[in-house]
């Protein structure tokens, strides 16, 4: 009887440990969130570049190219420092990416309004 109880407790402990190891840590989730936000911003930047070129044509000064460089800088920072970064640092990077995406979205709305025929 005692042996069966110990086996049952052991199986329960192994199952609980397996569940804990499968669940991503707060740090892993924060890194994943930053990468997802970076991917979303990169998609918006590509859309913005296409829209800006459609309205203004090719120009020497390209704000989207500058933003893409900034995105690359953030990805390199994450590669170099992400493993040791605190969750707060990762949240700060995520917030800056979200703010940049919001600015691009505002620009796209203005471009769409400028392209719309006047009523």
PDB file of N, CA and C in Angstrom:
ATOM      1  N   UNK A   1       0.818  -1.186   0.000  1.00  0.00           N
ATOM      2  CA  UNK A   1       0.000   0.000   0.000  1.00  0.00           C
ATOM      3  C   UNK A   1       0.870   1.261   0.000  1.00  0.00           C
ATOM      4  N   UNK A   2       1.889   1.286   0.873  1.00  0.00           N
ATOM      5  CA  UNK A   2       2.786   2.444   0.932  1.00  0.00           C
ATOM      6  C   UNK A   2       3.541   2.606  -0.382  1.00  0.00           C
ATOM      7  N   UNK A   3       3.937   1.498  -0.981  1.00  0.00           N
ATOM      8  CA  UNK A   3       4.680   1.560  -2.239  1.00  0.00           C
ATOM      9  C   UNK A   3       3.823   2.187  -3.331  1.00  0.00           C
ATOM     10  N   UNK A   4       2.575   1.797  -3.400  1.00  0.00           N
ATOM     11  CA  UNK A   4       1.670   2.352  -4.404  1.00  0.00           C
ATOM     12  C   UNK A   4       1.488   3.856  -4.177  1.00  0.00           C
ATOM     13  N   UNK A   5       1.395   4.272  -2.923  1.00  0.00           N
ATOM     14  CA  UNK A   5       1.252   5.690  -2.606  1.00  0.00           C
ATOM     15  C   UNK A   5       2.492   6.475  -3.030  1.00  0.00           C
ATOM     16  N   UNK A   6       3.687   5.934  -2.742  1.00  0.00           N
ATOM     17  CA  UNK A   6       4.932   6.591  -3.149  1.00  0.00           C
ATOM     18  C   UNK A   6       5.036   6.679  -4.675  1.00  0.00           C
ATOM     19  N   UNK A   7       4.626   5.622  -5.357  1.00  0.00           N
ATOM     20  CA  UNK A   7       4.658   5.627  -6.829  1.00  0.00           C
ATOM     21  C   UNK A   7       3.692   6.684  -7.351  1.00  0.00           C
ATOM     22  N   UNK A   8       2.505   6.748  -6.776  1.00  0.00           N
ATOM     23  CA  UNK A   8       1.520   7.744  -7.185  1.00  0.00           C
ATOM     24  C   UNK A   8       2.032   9.166  -6.953  1.00  0.00           C
ATOM     25  N   UNK A   9       2.630   9.403  -5.810  1.00  0.00           N
ATOM     26  CA  UNK A   9       3.197  10.727  -5.513  1.00  0.00           C
ATOM     27  C   UNK A   9       4.339  11.035  -6.471  1.00  0.00           C
ATOM     28  N   UNK A  10       5.179  10.062  -6.747  1.00  0.00           N
ATOM     29  CA  UNK A  10       6.291  10.253  -7.689  1.00  0.00           C
ATOM     30  C   UNK A  10       5.799  10.595  -9.083  1.00  0.00           C
ATOM     31  N   UNK A  11       4.776   9.887  -9.554  1.00  0.00           N
ATOM     32  CA  UNK A  11       4.207  10.169 -10.879  1.00  0.00           C
ATOM     33  C   UNK A  11       3.613  11.573 -10.911  1.00  0.00           C
ATOM     34  N   UNK A  12       2.928  11.955  -9.843  1.00  0.00           N
ATOM     35  CA  UNK A  12       2.339  13.295  -9.771  1.00  0.00           C
ATOM     36  C   UNK A  12       3.431  14.364  -9.794  1.00  0.00           C
ATOM     37  N   UNK A  13       4.528  14.141  -9.095  1.00  0.00           N
ATOM     38  CA  UNK A  13       5.640  15.095  -9.081  1.00  0.00           C
ATOM     39  C   UNK A  13       6.273  15.215 -10.461  1.00  0.00           C
ATOM     40  N   UNK A  14       6.470  14.088 -11.123  1.00  0.00           N
ATOM     41  CA  UNK A  14       7.058  14.104 -12.466  1.00  0.00           C
ATOM     42  C   UNK A  14       6.125  14.824 -13.436  1.00  0.00           C
ATOM     43  N   UNK A  15       4.829  14.575 -13.330  1.00  0.00           N
ATOM     44  CA  UNK A  15       3.862  15.253 -14.206  1.00  0.00           C
ATOM     45  C   UNK A  15       3.862  16.757 -13.960  1.00  0.00           C
ATOM     46  N   UNK A  16       3.901  17.161 -12.686  1.00  0.00           N
ATOM     47  CA  UNK A  16       3.926  18.595 -12.365  1.00  0.00           C
ATOM     48  C   UNK A  16       5.200  19.244 -12.881  1.00  0.00           C
ATOM     49  N   UNK A  17       6.323  18.574 -12.745  1.00  0.00           N
ATOM     50  CA  UNK A  17       7.590  19.102 -13.238  1.00  0.00           C
ATOM     51  C   UNK A  17       7.561  19.235 -14.753  1.00  0.00           C
ATOM     52  N   UNK A  18       7.011  18.248 -15.426  1.00  0.00           N
ATOM     53  CA  UNK A  18       6.917  18.297 -16.888  1.00  0.00           C
ATOM     54  C   UNK A  18       6.067  19.477 -17.337  1.00  0.00           C
ATOM     55  N   UNK A  19       4.973  19.729 -16.643  1.00  0.00           N
ATOM     56  CA  UNK A  19       4.127  20.877 -16.979  1.00  0.00           C
ATOM     57  C   UNK A  19       4.858  22.198 -16.751  1.00  0.00           C
ATOM     58  N   UNK A  20       5.605  22.285 -15.669  1.00  0.00           N
ATOM     59  CA  UNK A  20       6.346  23.510 -15.374  1.00  0.00           C
ATOM     60  C   UNK A  20       7.420  23.766 -16.420  1.00  0.00           C
ATOM     61  N   UNK A  21       8.078  22.733 -16.877  1.00  0.00           N
ATOM     62  CA  UNK A  21       9.145  22.897 -17.861  1.00  0.00           C
ATOM     63  C   UNK A  21       8.594  23.257 -19.238  1.00  0.00           C
ATOM     64  N   UNK A  22       7.392  22.817 -19.543  1.00  0.00           N
ATOM     65  CA  UNK A  22       6.788  23.118 -20.838  1.00  0.00           C
ATOM     66  C   UNK A  22       6.284  24.545 -20.918  1.00  0.00           C
ATOM     67  N   UNK A  23       5.878  25.111 -19.799  1.00  0.00           N
ATOM     68  CA  UNK A  23       5.324  26.460 -19.770  1.00  0.00           C
ATOM     69  C   UNK A  23       6.456  27.473 -19.922  1.00  0.00           C
ATOM     70  N   UNK A  24       6.330  28.395 -20.869  1.00  0.00           N
ATOM     71  CA  UNK A  24       7.394  29.389 -21.022  1.00  0.00           C
ATOM     72  C   UNK A  24       7.455  30.329 -19.813  1.00  0.00           C
ATOM     73  N   UNK A  25       8.656  30.748 -19.484  1.00  0.00           N
ATOM     74  CA  UNK A  25       8.839  31.669 -18.365  1.00  0.00           C
ATOM     75  C   UNK A  25       8.377  33.070 -18.764  1.00  0.00           C
ATOM     76  N   UNK A  26       8.280  33.938 -17.781  1.00  0.00           N
ATOM     77  CA  UNK A  26       7.910  35.340 -18.068  1.00  0.00           C
ATOM     78  C   UNK A  26       8.913  35.954 -19.025  1.00  0.00           C
ATOM     79  N   UNK A  27      10.176  35.630 -18.847  1.00  0.00           N
ATOM     80  CA  UNK A  27      11.224  36.167 -19.705  1.00  0.00           C
ATOM     81  C   UNK A  27      11.039  35.666 -21.138  1.00  0.00           C
ATOM     82  N   UNK A  28      10.791  34.380 -21.298  1.00  0.00           N
ATOM     83  CA  UNK A  28      10.596  33.824 -22.638  1.00  0.00           C
ATOM     84  C   UNK A  28       9.367  34.443 -23.309  1.00  0.00           C
ATOM     85  N   UNK A  29       8.297  34.633 -22.544  1.00  0.00           N
ATOM     86  CA  UNK A  29       7.102  35.264 -23.107  1.00  0.00           C
ATOM     87  C   UNK A  29       7.392  36.708 -23.497  1.00  0.00           C
ATOM     88  N   UNK A  30       8.179  37.417 -22.676  1.00  0.00           N
ATOM     89  CA  UNK A  30       8.513  38.807 -22.983  1.00  0.00           C
ATOM     90  C   UNK A  30       9.353  38.889 -24.254  1.00  0.00           C
ATOM     91  N   UNK A  31      10.310  37.989 -24.413  1.00  0.00           N
ATOM     92  CA  UNK A  31      11.124  37.967 -25.638  1.00  0.00           C
ATOM     93  C   UNK A  31      10.228  37.672 -26.840  1.00  0.00           C
ATOM     94  N   UNK A  32       9.351  36.692 -26.690  1.00  0.00           N
ATOM     95  CA  UNK A  32       8.440  36.349 -27.792  1.00  0.00           C
ATOM     96  C   UNK A  32       7.546  37.540 -28.138  1.00  0.00           C
ATOM     97  N   UNK A  33       7.057  38.254 -27.124  1.00  0.00           N
ATOM     98  CA  UNK A  33       6.214  39.432 -27.366  1.00  0.00           C
ATOM     99  C   UNK A  33       6.973  40.520 -28.107  1.00  0.00           C
ATOM    100  N   UNK A  34       8.233  40.733 -27.734  1.00  0.00           N
ATOM    101  CA  UNK A  34       9.048  41.737 -28.428  1.00  0.00           C
ATOM    102  C   UNK A  34       9.236  41.332 -29.889  1.00  0.00           C
ATOM    103  N   UNK A  35       9.549  40.085 -30.125  1.00  0.00           N
ATOM    104  CA  UNK A  35       9.744  39.627 -31.503  1.00  0.00           C
ATOM    105  C   UNK A  35       8.455  39.724 -32.318  1.00  0.00           C
ATOM    106  N   UNK A  36       7.323  39.377 -31.714  1.00  0.00           N
ATOM    107  CA  UNK A  36       6.041  39.502 -32.412  1.00  0.00           C
ATOM    108  C   UNK A  36       5.739  40.958 -32.741  1.00  0.00           C
ATOM    109  N   UNK A  37       6.009  41.848 -31.790  1.00  0.00           N
ATOM    110  CA  UNK A  37       5.783  43.278 -32.026  1.00  0.00           C
ATOM    111  C   UNK A  37       6.712  43.799 -33.114  1.00  0.00           C
ATOM    112  N   UNK A  38       7.943  43.341 -33.114  1.00  0.00           N
ATOM    113  CA  UNK A  38       8.903  43.754 -34.143  1.00  0.00           C
ATOM    114  C   UNK A  38       8.448  43.274 -35.510  1.00  0.00           C
ATOM    115  N   UNK A  39       7.960  42.052 -35.590  1.00  0.00           N
ATOM    116  CA  UNK A  39       7.459  41.541 -36.867  1.00  0.00           C
ATOM    117  C   UNK A  39       6.270  42.357 -37.362  1.00  0.00           C
ATOM    118  N   UNK A  40       5.364  42.704 -36.450  1.00  0.00           N
ATOM    119  CA  UNK A  40       4.194  43.502 -36.822  1.00  0.00           C
ATOM    120  C   UNK A  40       4.615  44.888 -37.294  1.00  0.00           C
ATOM    121  N   UNK A  41       5.581  45.493 -36.608  1.00  0.00           N
ATOM    122  CA  UNK A  41       6.058  46.803 -37.035  1.00  0.00           C
ATOM    123  C   UNK A  41       6.735  46.714 -38.400  1.00  0.00           C
ATOM    124  N   UNK A  42       7.514  45.696 -38.608  1.00  0.00           N
ATOM    125  CA  UNK A  42       8.184  45.542 -39.895  1.00  0.00           C
ATOM    126  C   UNK A  42       7.161  45.417 -41.025  1.00  0.00           C
ATOM    127  N   UNK A  43       6.093  44.674 -40.803  1.00  0.00           N
ATOM    128  CA  UNK A  43       5.031  44.569 -41.812  1.00  0.00           C
ATOM    129  C   UNK A  43       4.403  45.929 -42.088  1.00  0.00           C
ATOM    130  N   UNK A  44       4.137  46.682 -41.008  1.00  0.00           N
ATOM    131  CA  UNK A  44       3.545  48.013 -41.185  1.00  0.00           C
ATOM    132  C   UNK A  44       4.509  48.952 -41.906  1.00  0.00           C
ATOM    133  N   UNK A  45       5.795  48.824 -41.628  1.00  0.00           N
ATOM    134  CA  UNK A  45       6.778  49.672 -42.297  1.00  0.00           C
ATOM    135  C   UNK A  45       6.828  49.375 -43.793  1.00  0.00           C
ATOM    136  N   UNK A  46       6.739  48.128 -44.152  1.00  0.00           N
ATOM    137  CA  UNK A  46       6.722  47.769 -45.579  1.00  0.00           C
ATOM    138  C   UNK A  46       5.482  48.358 -46.261  1.00  0.00           C
ATOM    139  N   UNK A  47       4.343  48.274 -45.594  1.00  0.00           N
ATOM    140  CA  UNK A  47       3.117  48.854 -46.132  1.00  0.00           C
ATOM    141  C   UNK A  47       3.265  50.369 -46.251  1.00  0.00           C
ATOM    142  N   UNK A  48       3.809  50.985 -45.214  1.00  0.00           N
ATOM    143  CA  UNK A  48       3.993  52.438 -45.228  1.00  0.00           C
ATOM    144  C   UNK A  48       4.925  52.857 -46.355  1.00  0.00           C
ATOM    145  N   UNK A  49       6.010  52.116 -46.546  1.00  0.00           N
ATOM    146  CA  UNK A  49       6.939  52.455 -47.628  1.00  0.00           C
ATOM    147  C   UNK A  49       6.228  52.412 -48.968  1.00  0.00           C
ATOM    148  N   UNK A  50       5.436  51.383 -49.199  1.00  0.00           N
ATOM    149  CA  UNK A  50       4.704  51.273 -50.460  1.00  0.00           C
ATOM    150  C   UNK A  50       3.727  52.429 -50.641  1.00  0.00           C
ATOM    151  N   UNK A  51       3.018  52.771 -49.574  1.00  0.00           N
ATOM    152  CA  UNK A  51       2.047  53.876 -49.640  1.00  0.00           C
ATOM    153  C   UNK A  51       2.742  55.213 -49.873  1.00  0.00           C
ATOM    154  N   UNK A  52       3.826  55.450 -49.161  1.00  0.00           N
ATOM    155  CA  UNK A  52       4.554  56.713 -49.306  1.00  0.00           C
ATOM    156  C   UNK A  52       5.116  56.837 -50.714  1.00  0.00           C
ATOM    157  N   UNK A  53       5.669  55.764 -51.236  1.00  0.00           N
ATOM    158  CA  UNK A  53       6.201  55.806 -52.601  1.00  0.00           C
ATOM    159  C   UNK A  53       5.090  56.022 -53.617  1.00  0.00           C
ATOM    160  N   UNK A  54       3.927  55.467 -53.372  1.00  0.00           N
ATOM    161  CA  UNK A  54       2.808  55.653 -54.293  1.00  0.00           C
ATOM    162  C   UNK A  54       2.345  57.113 -54.314  1.00  0.00           C
ATOM    163  N   UNK A  55       2.419  57.769 -53.170  1.00  0.00           N
ATOM    164  CA  UNK A  55       1.969  59.160 -53.079  1.00  0.00           C
ATOM    165  C   UNK A  55       3.073  60.126 -53.462  1.00  0.00           C
ATOM    166  N   UNK A  56       4.257  59.927 -52.917  1.00  0.00           N
ATOM    167  CA  UNK A  56       5.327  60.916 -53.068  1.00  0.00           C
ATOM    168  C   UNK A  56       6.398  60.497 -54.062  1.00  0.00           C
ATOM    169  N   UNK A  57       6.394  59.261 -54.493  1.00  0.00           N
ATOM    170  CA  UNK A  57       7.449  58.789 -55.378  1.00  0.00           C
ATOM    171  C   UNK A  57       8.715  58.491 -54.600  1.00  0.00           C
ATOM    172  N   UNK A  58       9.730  58.069 -55.319  1.00  0.00           N
ATOM    173  CA  UNK A  58      11.020  57.754 -54.688  1.00  0.00           C
ATOM    174  C   UNK A  58      11.709  59.063 -54.301  1.00  0.00           C
ATOM    175  N   UNK A  59      12.253  59.101 -53.103  1.00  0.00           N
ATOM    176  CA  UNK A  59      12.974  60.287 -52.630  1.00  0.00           C
ATOM    177  C   UNK A  59      14.245  59.846 -51.950  1.00  0.00           C
ATOM    178  N   UNK A  60      15.195  60.775 -51.875  1.00  0.00           N
ATOM    179  CA  UNK A  60      16.448  60.463 -51.194  1.00  0.00           C
ATOM    180  C   UNK A  60      16.218  60.243 -49.706  1.00  0.00           C
ATOM    181  N   UNK A  61      15.359  61.048 -49.105  1.00  0.00           N
ATOM    182  CA  UNK A  61      15.080  60.924 -47.685  1.00  0.00           C
ATOM    183  C   UNK A  61      13.925  59.944 -47.507  1.00  0.00           C
ATOM    184  N   UNK A  62      14.198  58.855 -46.823  1.00  0.00           N
ATOM    185  CA  UNK A  62      13.214  57.788 -46.674  1.00  0.00           C
ATOM    186  C   UNK A  62      13.006  57.491 -45.193  1.00  0.00           C
ATOM    187  N   UNK A  63      11.918  58.006 -44.592  1.00  0.00           N
ATOM    188  CA  UNK A  63      11.697  57.774 -43.164  1.00  0.00           C
ATOM    189  C   UNK A  63      11.464  56.293 -42.855  1.00  0.00           C
ATOM    190  N   UNK A  64      10.932  55.555 -43.805  1.00  0.00           N
ATOM    191  CA  UNK A  64      10.699  54.128 -43.571  1.00  0.00           C
ATOM    192  C   UNK A  64      12.030  53.391 -43.488  1.00  0.00           C
ATOM    193  N   UNK A  65      12.966  53.756 -44.354  1.00  0.00           N
ATOM    194  CA  UNK A  65      14.286  53.122 -44.306  1.00  0.00           C
ATOM    195  C   UNK A  65      14.936  53.377 -42.944  1.00  0.00           C
ATOM    196  N   UNK A  66      14.793  54.597 -42.450  1.00  0.00           N
ATOM    197  CA  UNK A  66      15.346  54.917 -41.125  1.00  0.00           C
ATOM    198  C   UNK A  66      14.680  54.073 -40.040  1.00  0.00           C
ATOM    199  N   UNK A  67      13.372  53.909 -40.139  1.00  0.00           N
ATOM    200  CA  UNK A  67      12.659  53.091 -39.155  1.00  0.00           C
ATOM    201  C   UNK A  67      13.064  51.622 -39.266  1.00  0.00           C
ATOM    202  N   UNK A  68      13.288  51.153 -40.487  1.00  0.00           N
ATOM    203  CA  UNK A  68      13.729  49.769 -40.676  1.00  0.00           C
ATOM    204  C   UNK A  68      15.118  49.573 -40.057  1.00  0.00           C
ATOM    205  N   UNK A  69      15.973  50.560 -40.189  1.00  0.00           N
ATOM    206  CA  UNK A  69      17.290  50.476 -39.547  1.00  0.00           C
ATOM    207  C   UNK A  69      17.158  50.405 -38.032  1.00  0.00           C
ATOM    208  N   UNK A  70      16.243  51.211 -37.501  1.00  0.00           N
ATOM    209  CA  UNK A  70      16.000  51.183 -36.058  1.00  0.00           C
ATOM    210  C   UNK A  70      15.486  49.808 -35.640  1.00  0.00           C
ATOM    211  N   UNK A  71      14.624  49.228 -36.448  1.00  0.00           N
ATOM    212  CA  UNK A  71      14.105  47.895 -36.143  1.00  0.00           C
ATOM    213  C   UNK A  71      15.245  46.878 -36.148  1.00  0.00           C
ATOM    214  N   UNK A  72      16.138  46.977 -37.095  1.00  0.00           N
ATOM    215  CA  UNK A  72      17.285  46.081 -37.138  1.00  0.00           C
ATOM    216  C   UNK A  72      18.149  46.276 -35.893  1.00  0.00           C
ATOM    217  N   UNK A  73      18.340  47.525 -35.477  1.00  0.00           N
ATOM    218  CA  UNK A  73      19.119  47.801 -34.269  1.00  0.00           C
ATOM    219  C   UNK A  73      18.477  47.134 -33.057  1.00  0.00           C
ATOM    220  N   UNK A  74      17.154  47.205 -32.959  1.00  0.00           N
ATOM    221  CA  UNK A  74      16.468  46.585 -31.825  1.00  0.00           C
ATOM    222  C   UNK A  74      16.563  45.066 -31.880  1.00  0.00           C
ATOM    223  N   UNK A  75      16.488  44.500 -33.067  1.00  0.00           N
ATOM    224  CA  UNK A  75      16.626  43.044 -33.196  1.00  0.00           C
ATOM    225  C   UNK A  75      18.045  42.601 -32.814  1.00  0.00           C
ATOM    226  N   UNK A  76      19.045  43.374 -33.204  1.00  0.00           N
ATOM    227  CA  UNK A  76      20.418  43.044 -32.832  1.00  0.00           C
ATOM    228  C   UNK A  76      20.614  43.173 -31.318  1.00  0.00           C
ATOM    229  N   UNK A  77      20.003  44.206 -30.719  1.00  0.00           N
ATOM    230  CA  UNK A  77      20.069  44.348 -29.267  1.00  0.00           C
ATOM    231  C   UNK A  77      19.456  43.124 -28.601  1.00  0.00           C
ATOM    232  N   UNK A  78      18.309  42.701 -29.111  1.00  0.00           N
ATOM    233  CA  UNK A  78      17.639  41.540 -28.527  1.00  0.00           C
ATOM    234  C   UNK A  78      18.504  40.292 -28.673  1.00  0.00           C
ATOM    235  N   UNK A  79      19.138  40.139 -29.815  1.00  0.00           N
ATOM    236  CA  UNK A  79      20.016  38.986 -30.016  1.00  0.00           C
ATOM    237  C   UNK A  79      21.183  39.012 -29.029  1.00  0.00           C
ATOM    238  N   UNK A  80      21.761  40.200 -28.844  1.00  0.00           N
ATOM    239  CA  UNK A  80      22.949  40.324 -28.004  1.00  0.00           C
ATOM    240  C   UNK A  80      22.641  40.382 -26.507  1.00  0.00           C
ATOM    241  N   UNK A  81      21.504  40.960 -26.135  1.00  0.00           N
ATOM    242  CA  UNK A  81      21.205  41.209 -24.724  1.00  0.00           C
ATOM    243  C   UNK A  81      19.919  40.553 -24.234  1.00  0.00           C
ATOM    244  N   UNK A  82      19.130  40.011 -25.130  1.00  0.00           N
ATOM    245  CA  UNK A  82      17.821  39.482 -24.753  1.00  0.00           C
ATOM    246  C   UNK A  82      17.876  38.394 -23.708  1.00  0.00           C
ATOM    247  N   UNK A  83      18.884  37.553 -23.774  1.00  0.00           N
ATOM    248  CA  UNK A  83      18.978  36.448 -22.819  1.00  0.00           C
ATOM    249  C   UNK A  83      19.177  36.959 -21.395  1.00  0.00           C
ATOM    250  N   UNK A  84      19.894  38.068 -21.245  1.00  0.00           N
ATOM    251  CA  UNK A  84      20.183  38.605 -19.914  1.00  0.00           C
ATOM    252  C   UNK A  84      19.307  39.804 -19.542  1.00  0.00           C
ATOM    253  N   UNK A  85      18.471  40.250 -20.467  1.00  0.00           N
ATOM    254  CA  UNK A  85      17.628  41.425 -20.211  1.00  0.00           C
ATOM    255  C   UNK A  85      16.561  41.083 -19.177  1.00  0.00           C
ATOM    256  N   UNK A  86      16.209  42.086 -18.403  1.00  0.00           N
ATOM    257  CA  UNK A  86      15.131  41.890 -17.433  1.00  0.00           C
ATOM    258  C   UNK A  86      13.793  41.968 -18.180  1.00  0.00           C
ATOM    259  N   UNK A  87      12.774  41.463 -17.542  1.00  0.00           N
ATOM    260  CA  UNK A  87      11.436  41.538 -18.128  1.00  0.00           C
ATOM    261  C   UNK A  87      11.048  43.004 -18.318  1.00  0.00           C
ATOM    262  N   UNK A  88      11.446  43.870 -17.400  1.00  0.00           N
ATOM    263  CA  UNK A  88      11.139  45.301 -17.509  1.00  0.00           C
ATOM    264  C   UNK A  88      11.831  45.916 -18.730  1.00  0.00           C
ATOM    265  N   UNK A  89      13.081  45.550 -18.973  1.00  0.00           N
ATOM    266  CA  UNK A  89      13.788  46.058 -20.155  1.00  0.00           C
ATOM    267  C   UNK A  89      13.114  45.581 -21.437  1.00  0.00           C
ATOM    268  N   UNK A  90      12.716  44.327 -21.444  1.00  0.00           N
ATOM    269  CA  UNK A  90      12.028  43.793 -22.621  1.00  0.00           C
ATOM    270  C   UNK A  90      10.686  44.490 -22.832  1.00  0.00           C
ATOM    271  N   UNK A  91       9.988  44.774 -21.742  1.00  0.00           N
ATOM    272  CA  UNK A  91       8.709  45.492 -21.844  1.00  0.00           C
ATOM    273  C   UNK A  91       8.923  46.898 -22.392  1.00  0.00           C
ATOM    274  N   UNK A  92      10.022  47.535 -22.005  1.00  0.00           N
ATOM    275  CA  UNK A  92      10.334  48.876 -22.509  1.00  0.00           C
ATOM    276  C   UNK A  92      10.597  48.851 -24.014  1.00  0.00           C
ATOM    277  N   UNK A  93      11.348  47.851 -24.466  1.00  0.00           N
ATOM    278  CA  UNK A  93      11.601  47.711 -25.906  1.00  0.00           C
ATOM    279  C   UNK A  93      10.285  47.460 -26.632  1.00  0.00           C
ATOM    280  N   UNK A  94       9.458  46.600 -26.068  1.00  0.00           N
ATOM    281  CA  UNK A  94       8.158  46.295 -26.683  1.00  0.00           C
ATOM    282  C   UNK A  94       7.316  47.557 -26.781  1.00  0.00           C
ATOM    283  N   UNK A  95       7.311  48.365 -25.728  1.00  0.00           N
ATOM    284  CA  UNK A  95       6.524  49.603 -25.733  1.00  0.00           C
ATOM    285  C   UNK A  95       7.028  50.569 -26.805  1.00  0.00           C
ATOM    286  N   UNK A  96       8.334  50.654 -26.992  1.00  0.00           N
ATOM    287  CA  UNK A  96       8.865  51.555 -28.023  1.00  0.00           C
ATOM    288  C   UNK A  96       8.500  51.057 -29.418  1.00  0.00           C
ATOM    289  N   UNK A  97       8.473  49.751 -29.594  1.00  0.00           N
ATOM    290  CA  UNK A  97       8.070  49.188 -30.885  1.00  0.00           C
ATOM    291  C   UNK A  97       6.592  49.466 -31.136  1.00  0.00           C
ATOM    292  N   UNK A  98       5.760  49.270 -30.114  1.00  0.00           N
ATOM    293  CA  UNK A  98       4.331  49.544 -30.261  1.00  0.00           C
ATOM    294  C   UNK A  98       4.081  51.018 -30.574  1.00  0.00           C
ATOM    295  N   UNK A  99       4.829  51.906 -29.929  1.00  0.00           N
ATOM    296  CA  UNK A  99       4.676  53.340 -30.188  1.00  0.00           C
ATOM    297  C   UNK A  99       5.071  53.671 -31.625  1.00  0.00           C
ATOM    298  N   UNK A 100       6.136  53.060 -32.106  1.00  0.00           N
ATOM    299  CA  UNK A 100       6.552  53.285 -33.494  1.00  0.00           C
ATOM    300  C   UNK A 100       5.484  52.789 -34.461  1.00  0.00           C
ATOM    301  N   UNK A 101       4.899  51.631 -34.166  1.00  0.00           N
ATOM    302  CA  UNK A 101       3.845  51.107 -35.033  1.00  0.00           C
ATOM    303  C   UNK A 101       2.634  52.040 -35.022  1.00  0.00           C
ATOM    304  N   UNK A 102       2.302  52.604 -33.864  1.00  0.00           N
ATOM    305  CA  UNK A 102       1.191  53.559 -33.785  1.00  0.00           C
ATOM    306  C   UNK A 102       1.475  54.797 -34.636  1.00  0.00           C
ATOM    307  N   UNK A 103       2.722  55.280 -34.609  1.00  0.00           N
ATOM    308  CA  UNK A 103       3.082  56.446 -35.425  1.00  0.00           C
ATOM    309  C   UNK A 103       2.957  56.124 -36.913  1.00  0.00           C
ATOM    310  N   UNK A 104       3.396  54.935 -37.299  1.00  0.00           N
ATOM    311  CA  UNK A 104       3.277  54.535 -38.707  1.00  0.00           C
ATOM    312  C   UNK A 104       1.807  54.421 -39.089  1.00  0.00           C
ATOM    313  N   UNK A 105       0.987  53.854 -38.214  1.00  0.00           N
ATOM    314  CA  UNK A 105      -0.444  53.745 -38.498  1.00  0.00           C
ATOM    315  C   UNK A 105      -1.067  55.123 -38.687  1.00  0.00           C
ATOM    316  N   UNK A 106      -0.672  56.098 -37.856  1.00  0.00           N
ATOM    317  CA  UNK A 106      -1.170  57.465 -38.013  1.00  0.00           C
ATOM    318  C   UNK A 106      -0.770  58.034 -39.368  1.00  0.00           C
ATOM    319  N   UNK A 107       0.467  57.804 -39.781  1.00  0.00           N
ATOM    320  CA  UNK A 107       0.931  58.282 -41.084  1.00  0.00           C
ATOM    321  C   UNK A 107       0.125  57.641 -42.216  1.00  0.00           C
ATOM    322  N   UNK A 108      -0.157  56.357 -42.088  1.00  0.00           N
ATOM    323  CA  UNK A 108      -0.924  55.668 -43.124  1.00  0.00           C
ATOM    324  C   UNK A 108      -2.351  56.204 -43.213  1.00  0.00           C
ATOM    325  N   UNK A 109      -2.933  56.551 -42.067  1.00  0.00           N
ATOM    326  CA  UNK A 109      -4.271  57.141 -42.084  1.00  0.00           C
ATOM    327  C   UNK A 109      -4.237  58.481 -42.804  1.00  0.00           C
ATOM    328  N   UNK A 110      -3.226  59.295 -42.506  1.00  0.00           N
ATOM    329  CA  UNK A 110      -3.107  60.598 -43.181  1.00  0.00           C
ATOM    330  C   UNK A 110      -2.898  60.435 -44.682  1.00  0.00           C
ATOM    331  N   UNK A 111      -2.110  59.450 -45.057  1.00  0.00           N
ATOM    332  CA  UNK A 111      -1.881  59.195 -46.496  1.00  0.00           C
ATOM    333  C   UNK A 111      -3.195  58.769 -47.156  1.00  0.00           C
ATOM    334  N   UNK A 112      -3.922  57.888 -46.500  1.00  0.00           N
ATOM    335  CA  UNK A 112      -5.209  57.449 -47.061  1.00  0.00           C
ATOM    336  C   UNK A 112      -6.168  58.611 -47.197  1.00  0.00           C
ATOM    337  N   UNK A 113      -6.184  59.510 -46.207  1.00  0.00           N
ATOM    338  CA  UNK A 113      -7.062  60.676 -46.279  1.00  0.00           C
ATOM    339  C   UNK A 113      -6.634  61.611 -47.417  1.00  0.00           C
ATOM    340  N   UNK A 114      -5.323  61.752 -47.615  1.00  0.00           N
ATOM    341  CA  UNK A 114      -4.827  62.618 -48.685  1.00  0.00           C
ATOM    342  C   UNK A 114      -5.149  62.043 -50.056  1.00  0.00           C
ATOM    343  N   UNK A 115      -5.159  60.720 -50.148  1.00  0.00           N
ATOM    344  CA  UNK A 115      -5.433  60.074 -51.431  1.00  0.00           C
ATOM    345  C   UNK A 115      -6.909  60.018 -51.758  1.00  0.00           C
ATOM    346  N   UNK A 116      -7.759  60.118 -50.742  1.00  0.00           N
ATOM    347  CA  UNK A 116      -9.209  60.029 -50.954  1.00  0.00           C
ATOM    348  C   UNK A 116      -9.687  61.261 -51.704  1.00  0.00           C
ATOM    349  N   UNK A 117     -10.587  61.062 -52.645  1.00  0.00           N
ATOM    350  CA  UNK A 117     -11.109  62.216 -53.379  1.00  0.00           C
ATOM    351  C   UNK A 117     -11.909  63.137 -52.454  1.00  0.00           C
ATOM    352  N   UNK A 118     -11.774  64.415 -52.679  1.00  0.00           N
ATOM    353  CA  UNK A 118     -12.505  65.402 -51.871  1.00  0.00           C
ATOM    354  C   UNK A 118     -13.988  65.321 -52.220  1.00  0.00           C
ATOM    355  N   UNK A 119     -14.810  65.385 -51.193  1.00  0.00           N
ATOM    356  CA  UNK A 119     -16.264  65.296 -51.428  1.00  0.00           C
ATOM    357  C   UNK A 119     -16.901  66.635 -51.278  1.00  0.00           C
TER     358      UNK A 119
END
